[in-house]
């Protein structure tokens, strides 16, 4: 007697356990599609990276939501910072928000470094975190303070170069290695 198949996975060649394992690996860890393909191949499951991509597109949102729900809650002290990067020869800014424990709250790449860009980051953060921070720490960029005054007027704001080390250190993996 065959075991009943979940209707979501009906019509797929592989059992739901294999599909869910592949999608979970892809969303839980910083793995590429080809790395997931290799991990499955090491377990005797031959599947292409394109198939894993299609599974991730079809079933991924549910797994991403489950993983996000299990993550620890963000702290109430946010560190905001930006760094310049070149993408296709043009200068862009990577804006990053980190809480007091070093958990990355959000990352946003924008072509500008002005008040509108800072407002976009804050709106995105507030929407995703569903609450405002107690304290916001930034470097001395004027657009950060003016955007904060408009969007989160009741939040304490600290501007100091030394206080924002938490956000500065979170950029280190994205910076190119110098001296080589």
C-alpha atoms as a PDB file:
ATOM      1  CA  UNK A   1       0.000   0.000   0.000  1.00  0.00           C
ATOM      2  CA  UNK A   2       1.353   3.446  -0.944  1.00  0.00           C
ATOM      3  CA  UNK A   3       1.563   6.212   1.601  1.00  0.00           C
ATOM      4  CA  UNK A   4      -0.647   9.190   0.776  1.00  0.00           C
ATOM      5  CA  UNK A   5       1.230  12.140  -0.740  1.00  0.00           C
ATOM      6  CA  UNK A   6       0.667  15.678   0.462  1.00  0.00           C
ATOM      7  CA  UNK A   7      -1.234  17.527  -2.298  1.00  0.00           C
ATOM      8  CA  UNK A   8       1.436  20.231  -2.407  1.00  0.00           C
ATOM      9  CA  UNK A   9       4.053  17.674  -3.426  1.00  0.00           C
ATOM     10  CA  UNK A  10       1.852  15.656  -5.796  1.00  0.00           C
ATOM     11  CA  UNK A  11       3.330  15.185  -9.243  1.00  0.00           C
ATOM     12  CA  UNK A  12       6.959  15.481  -8.136  1.00  0.00           C
ATOM     13  CA  UNK A  13       9.395  12.644  -8.788  1.00  0.00           C
ATOM     14  CA  UNK A  14      11.095  12.919  -5.406  1.00  0.00           C
ATOM     15  CA  UNK A  15       9.405  12.306  -2.063  1.00  0.00           C
ATOM     16  CA  UNK A  16       8.383  15.308   0.044  1.00  0.00           C
ATOM     17  CA  UNK A  17      11.181  14.579   2.545  1.00  0.00           C
ATOM     18  CA  UNK A  18      13.866  15.091  -0.114  1.00  0.00           C
ATOM     19  CA  UNK A  19      12.240  18.229  -1.504  1.00  0.00           C
ATOM     20  CA  UNK A  20      11.772  19.789   1.918  1.00  0.00           C
ATOM     21  CA  UNK A  21      15.352  18.929   2.954  1.00  0.00           C
ATOM     22  CA  UNK A  22      16.779  20.573  -0.179  1.00  0.00           C
ATOM     23  CA  UNK A  23      14.678  23.721   0.226  1.00  0.00           C
ATOM     24  CA  UNK A  24      15.427  23.928   3.943  1.00  0.00           C
ATOM     25  CA  UNK A  25      19.186  23.628   3.308  1.00  0.00           C
ATOM     26  CA  UNK A  26      19.053  26.362   0.688  1.00  0.00           C
ATOM     27  CA  UNK A  27      17.188  28.844   2.888  1.00  0.00           C
ATOM     28  CA  UNK A  28      18.673  27.994   6.282  1.00  0.00           C
ATOM     29  CA  UNK A  29      22.370  28.135   5.400  1.00  0.00           C
ATOM     30  CA  UNK A  30      24.296  30.404   3.018  1.00  0.00           C
ATOM     31  CA  UNK A  31      24.531  27.697   0.357  1.00  0.00           C
ATOM     32  CA  UNK A  32      24.348  28.022  -3.395  1.00  0.00           C
ATOM     33  CA  UNK A  33      22.047  25.861  -5.484  1.00  0.00           C
ATOM     34  CA  UNK A  34      25.037  23.875  -6.696  1.00  0.00           C
ATOM     35  CA  UNK A  35      26.185  23.251  -3.101  1.00  0.00           C
ATOM     36  CA  UNK A  36      22.739  21.871  -2.227  1.00  0.00           C
ATOM     37  CA  UNK A  37      22.947  19.697  -5.359  1.00  0.00           C
ATOM     38  CA  UNK A  38      26.333  18.356  -4.201  1.00  0.00           C
ATOM     39  CA  UNK A  39      25.090  17.723  -0.647  1.00  0.00           C
ATOM     40  CA  UNK A  40      22.176  15.700  -1.978  1.00  0.00           C
ATOM     41  CA  UNK A  41      24.504  13.828  -4.372  1.00  0.00           C
ATOM     42  CA  UNK A  42      26.699  12.878  -1.406  1.00  0.00           C
ATOM     43  CA  UNK A  43      23.616  11.212   0.069  1.00  0.00           C
ATOM     44  CA  UNK A  44      22.893   9.340  -3.194  1.00  0.00           C
ATOM     45  CA  UNK A  45      20.161  11.677  -4.457  1.00  0.00           C
ATOM     46  CA  UNK A  46      20.907  12.871  -7.971  1.00  0.00           C
ATOM     47  CA  UNK A  47      19.111  16.136  -8.655  1.00  0.00           C
ATOM     48  CA  UNK A  48      20.149  19.189 -10.681  1.00  0.00           C
ATOM     49  CA  UNK A  49      20.642  22.655  -9.266  1.00  0.00           C
ATOM     50  CA  UNK A  50      17.874  23.886 -11.598  1.00  0.00           C
ATOM     51  CA  UNK A  51      15.436  21.494  -9.945  1.00  0.00           C
ATOM     52  CA  UNK A  52      16.486  22.777  -6.522  1.00  0.00           C
ATOM     53  CA  UNK A  53      15.924  26.343  -7.782  1.00  0.00           C
ATOM     54  CA  UNK A  54      12.407  25.462  -8.946  1.00  0.00           C
ATOM     55  CA  UNK A  55      11.646  23.775  -5.625  1.00  0.00           C
ATOM     56  CA  UNK A  56      12.934  26.823  -3.762  1.00  0.00           C
ATOM     57  CA  UNK A  57      10.762  29.095  -5.883  1.00  0.00           C
ATOM     58  CA  UNK A  58       7.680  26.901  -5.362  1.00  0.00           C
ATOM     59  CA  UNK A  59       8.038  25.962  -1.685  1.00  0.00           C
ATOM     60  CA  UNK A  60      10.593  28.446  -0.382  1.00  0.00           C
ATOM     61  CA  UNK A  61       8.388  31.141   1.087  1.00  0.00           C
ATOM     62  CA  UNK A  62       6.897  28.761   3.667  1.00  0.00           C
ATOM     63  CA  UNK A  63      10.352  27.588   4.752  1.00  0.00           C
ATOM     64  CA  UNK A  64      11.680  31.140   4.890  1.00  0.00           C
ATOM     65  CA  UNK A  65       8.732  32.175   7.081  1.00  0.00           C
ATOM     66  CA  UNK A  66       9.273  29.239   9.447  1.00  0.00           C
ATOM     67  CA  UNK A  67      12.990  29.983   9.768  1.00  0.00           C
ATOM     68  CA  UNK A  68      12.323  33.690  10.366  1.00  0.00           C
ATOM     69  CA  UNK A  69       9.789  32.863  13.108  1.00  0.00           C
ATOM     70  CA  UNK A  70      12.364  30.731  14.933  1.00  0.00           C
ATOM     71  CA  UNK A  71      15.087  33.368  14.885  1.00  0.00           C
ATOM     72  CA  UNK A  72      15.695  35.223  18.137  1.00  0.00           C
ATOM     73  CA  UNK A  73      13.887  38.522  18.560  1.00  0.00           C
ATOM     74  CA  UNK A  74      15.872  41.590  17.636  1.00  0.00           C
ATOM     75  CA  UNK A  75      17.167  43.820  20.395  1.00  0.00           C
ATOM     76  CA  UNK A  76      15.905  47.307  21.119  1.00  0.00           C
ATOM     77  CA  UNK A  77      19.158  49.086  20.238  1.00  0.00           C
ATOM     78  CA  UNK A  78      19.776  49.458  16.502  1.00  0.00           C
ATOM     79  CA  UNK A  79      23.086  50.404  14.886  1.00  0.00           C
ATOM     80  CA  UNK A  80      22.770  51.845  11.346  1.00  0.00           C
ATOM     81  CA  UNK A  81      25.650  52.279   8.938  1.00  0.00           C
ATOM     82  CA  UNK A  82      26.412  52.514   5.233  1.00  0.00           C
ATOM     83  CA  UNK A  83      29.378  51.592   3.070  1.00  0.00           C
ATOM     84  CA  UNK A  84      30.233  52.418  -0.547  1.00  0.00           C
ATOM     85  CA  UNK A  85      30.558  49.595  -3.083  1.00  0.00           C
ATOM     86  CA  UNK A  86      30.958  49.528  -6.852  1.00  0.00           C
ATOM     87  CA  UNK A  87      28.409  47.518  -8.809  1.00  0.00           C
ATOM     88  CA  UNK A  88      28.947  47.345 -12.571  1.00  0.00           C
ATOM     89  CA  UNK A  89      31.288  50.331 -12.315  1.00  0.00           C
ATOM     90  CA  UNK A  90      28.760  52.565 -10.536  1.00  0.00           C
ATOM     91  CA  UNK A  91      28.932  53.646  -6.904  1.00  0.00           C
ATOM     92  CA  UNK A  92      26.171  52.268  -4.676  1.00  0.00           C
ATOM     93  CA  UNK A  93      25.628  52.291  -0.927  1.00  0.00           C
ATOM     94  CA  UNK A  94      25.031  49.223   1.202  1.00  0.00           C
ATOM     95  CA  UNK A  95      22.945  50.270   4.203  1.00  0.00           C
ATOM     96  CA  UNK A  96      22.969  47.816   7.085  1.00  0.00           C
ATOM     97  CA  UNK A  97      21.099  47.683  10.382  1.00  0.00           C
ATOM     98  CA  UNK A  98      22.382  45.563  13.269  1.00  0.00           C
ATOM     99  CA  UNK A  99      21.049  45.138  16.799  1.00  0.00           C
ATOM    100  CA  UNK A 100      23.145  45.253  19.978  1.00  0.00           C
ATOM    101  CA  UNK A 101      23.872  41.504  19.771  1.00  0.00           C
ATOM    102  CA  UNK A 102      25.231  41.703  16.229  1.00  0.00           C
ATOM    103  CA  UNK A 103      22.183  40.173  14.543  1.00  0.00           C
ATOM    104  CA  UNK A 104      21.764  41.731  11.095  1.00  0.00           C
ATOM    105  CA  UNK A 105      18.279  43.200  10.948  1.00  0.00           C
ATOM    106  CA  UNK A 106      18.290  44.233   7.310  1.00  0.00           C
ATOM    107  CA  UNK A 107      20.500  45.151   4.375  1.00  0.00           C
ATOM    108  CA  UNK A 108      19.539  47.535   1.593  1.00  0.00           C
ATOM    109  CA  UNK A 109      21.534  48.513  -1.506  1.00  0.00           C
ATOM    110  CA  UNK A 110      20.747  51.947  -2.940  1.00  0.00           C
ATOM    111  CA  UNK A 111      22.311  54.309  -5.426  1.00  0.00           C
ATOM    112  CA  UNK A 112      21.963  57.338  -3.147  1.00  0.00           C
ATOM    113  CA  UNK A 113      23.167  58.363   0.280  1.00  0.00           C
ATOM    114  CA  UNK A 114      20.609  60.989   1.203  1.00  0.00           C
ATOM    115  CA  UNK A 115      17.622  61.504   3.462  1.00  0.00           C
ATOM    116  CA  UNK A 116      15.295  59.570   1.133  1.00  0.00           C
ATOM    117  CA  UNK A 117      17.579  56.540   1.189  1.00  0.00           C
ATOM    118  CA  UNK A 118      17.775  56.638   4.986  1.00  0.00           C
ATOM    119  CA  UNK A 119      13.980  56.929   5.200  1.00  0.00           C
ATOM    120  CA  UNK A 120      13.581  53.905   2.917  1.00  0.00           C
ATOM    121  CA  UNK A 121      15.826  51.838   5.190  1.00  0.00           C
ATOM    122  CA  UNK A 122      13.979  52.926   8.336  1.00  0.00           C
ATOM    123  CA  UNK A 123      10.562  52.206   6.821  1.00  0.00           C
ATOM    124  CA  UNK A 124      11.709  48.770   5.722  1.00  0.00           C
ATOM    125  CA  UNK A 125      13.136  48.055   9.180  1.00  0.00           C
ATOM    126  CA  UNK A 126      10.010  49.164  11.012  1.00  0.00           C
ATOM    127  CA  UNK A 127       7.796  47.118   8.706  1.00  0.00           C
ATOM    128  CA  UNK A 128       9.894  43.989   9.162  1.00  0.00           C
ATOM    129  CA  UNK A 129      10.545  44.328  12.910  1.00  0.00           C
ATOM    130  CA  UNK A 130       6.989  45.489  13.724  1.00  0.00           C
ATOM    131  CA  UNK A 131       8.261  47.815  16.447  1.00  0.00           C
ATOM    132  CA  UNK A 132      10.490  50.832  16.876  1.00  0.00           C
ATOM    133  CA  UNK A 133      13.826  50.608  18.683  1.00  0.00           C
ATOM    134  CA  UNK A 134      14.513  52.174  22.062  1.00  0.00           C
ATOM    135  CA  UNK A 135      17.844  53.647  20.901  1.00  0.00           C
ATOM    136  CA  UNK A 136      19.206  54.232  17.417  1.00  0.00           C
ATOM    137  CA  UNK A 137      22.953  54.674  16.950  1.00  0.00           C
ATOM    138  CA  UNK A 138      24.379  56.107  13.722  1.00  0.00           C
ATOM    139  CA  UNK A 139      27.556  57.719  12.506  1.00  0.00           C
ATOM    140  CA  UNK A 140      27.556  61.485  11.955  1.00  0.00           C
ATOM    141  CA  UNK A 141      25.772  61.366   8.589  1.00  0.00           C
ATOM    142  CA  UNK A 142      23.168  64.144   8.695  1.00  0.00           C
ATOM    143  CA  UNK A 143      20.620  62.271   6.587  1.00  0.00           C
ATOM    144  CA  UNK A 144      20.309  59.556   9.250  1.00  0.00           C
ATOM    145  CA  UNK A 145      19.240  62.055  11.901  1.00  0.00           C
ATOM    146  CA  UNK A 146      16.794  63.937   9.696  1.00  0.00           C
ATOM    147  CA  UNK A 147      15.158  60.721   8.476  1.00  0.00           C
ATOM    148  CA  UNK A 148      14.865  59.462  12.046  1.00  0.00           C
ATOM    149  CA  UNK A 149      13.169  62.701  13.142  1.00  0.00           C
ATOM    150  CA  UNK A 150      10.472  62.231  10.503  1.00  0.00           C
ATOM    151  CA  UNK A 151       9.837  58.504  10.846  1.00  0.00           C
ATOM    152  CA  UNK A 152      10.616  57.710  14.502  1.00  0.00           C
ATOM    153  CA  UNK A 153      10.507  61.013  16.414  1.00  0.00           C
ATOM    154  CA  UNK A 154      10.275  59.429  19.893  1.00  0.00           C
ATOM    155  CA  UNK A 155      13.364  57.238  19.531  1.00  0.00           C
ATOM    156  CA  UNK A 156      16.553  58.251  21.313  1.00  0.00           C
ATOM    157  CA  UNK A 157      19.284  58.980  18.760  1.00  0.00           C
ATOM    158  CA  UNK A 158      22.999  58.773  19.465  1.00  0.00           C
ATOM    159  CA  UNK A 159      25.540  59.982  16.929  1.00  0.00           C
ATOM    160  CA  UNK A 160      29.139  59.162  17.621  1.00  0.00           C
ATOM    161  CA  UNK A 161      31.891  57.538  15.622  1.00  0.00           C
ATOM    162  CA  UNK A 162      32.960  55.168  18.415  1.00  0.00           C
ATOM    163  CA  UNK A 163      29.446  54.051  19.379  1.00  0.00           C
ATOM    164  CA  UNK A 164      28.683  52.600  15.954  1.00  0.00           C
ATOM    165  CA  UNK A 165      31.399  49.936  15.991  1.00  0.00           C
ATOM    166  CA  UNK A 166      28.801  47.137  16.062  1.00  0.00           C
ATOM    167  CA  UNK A 167      27.528  48.154  12.602  1.00  0.00           C
ATOM    168  CA  UNK A 168      31.016  48.912  11.294  1.00  0.00           C
ATOM    169  CA  UNK A 169      32.201  45.425  12.259  1.00  0.00           C
ATOM    170  CA  UNK A 170      29.189  43.796  10.615  1.00  0.00           C
ATOM    171  CA  UNK A 171      30.376  45.206   7.263  1.00  0.00           C
ATOM    172  CA  UNK A 172      33.717  43.429   7.449  1.00  0.00           C
ATOM    173  CA  UNK A 173      32.686  40.287   5.528  1.00  0.00           C
ATOM    174  CA  UNK A 174      31.441  42.466   2.634  1.00  0.00           C
ATOM    175  CA  UNK A 175      34.580  44.577   2.392  1.00  0.00           C
ATOM    176  CA  UNK A 176      37.309  43.569  -0.059  1.00  0.00           C
ATOM    177  CA  UNK A 177      40.544  42.348   1.488  1.00  0.00           C
ATOM    178  CA  UNK A 178      43.162  45.082   1.377  1.00  0.00           C
ATOM    179  CA  UNK A 179      46.914  44.686   1.180  1.00  0.00           C
ATOM    180  CA  UNK A 180      46.887  41.742  -1.210  1.00  0.00           C
END
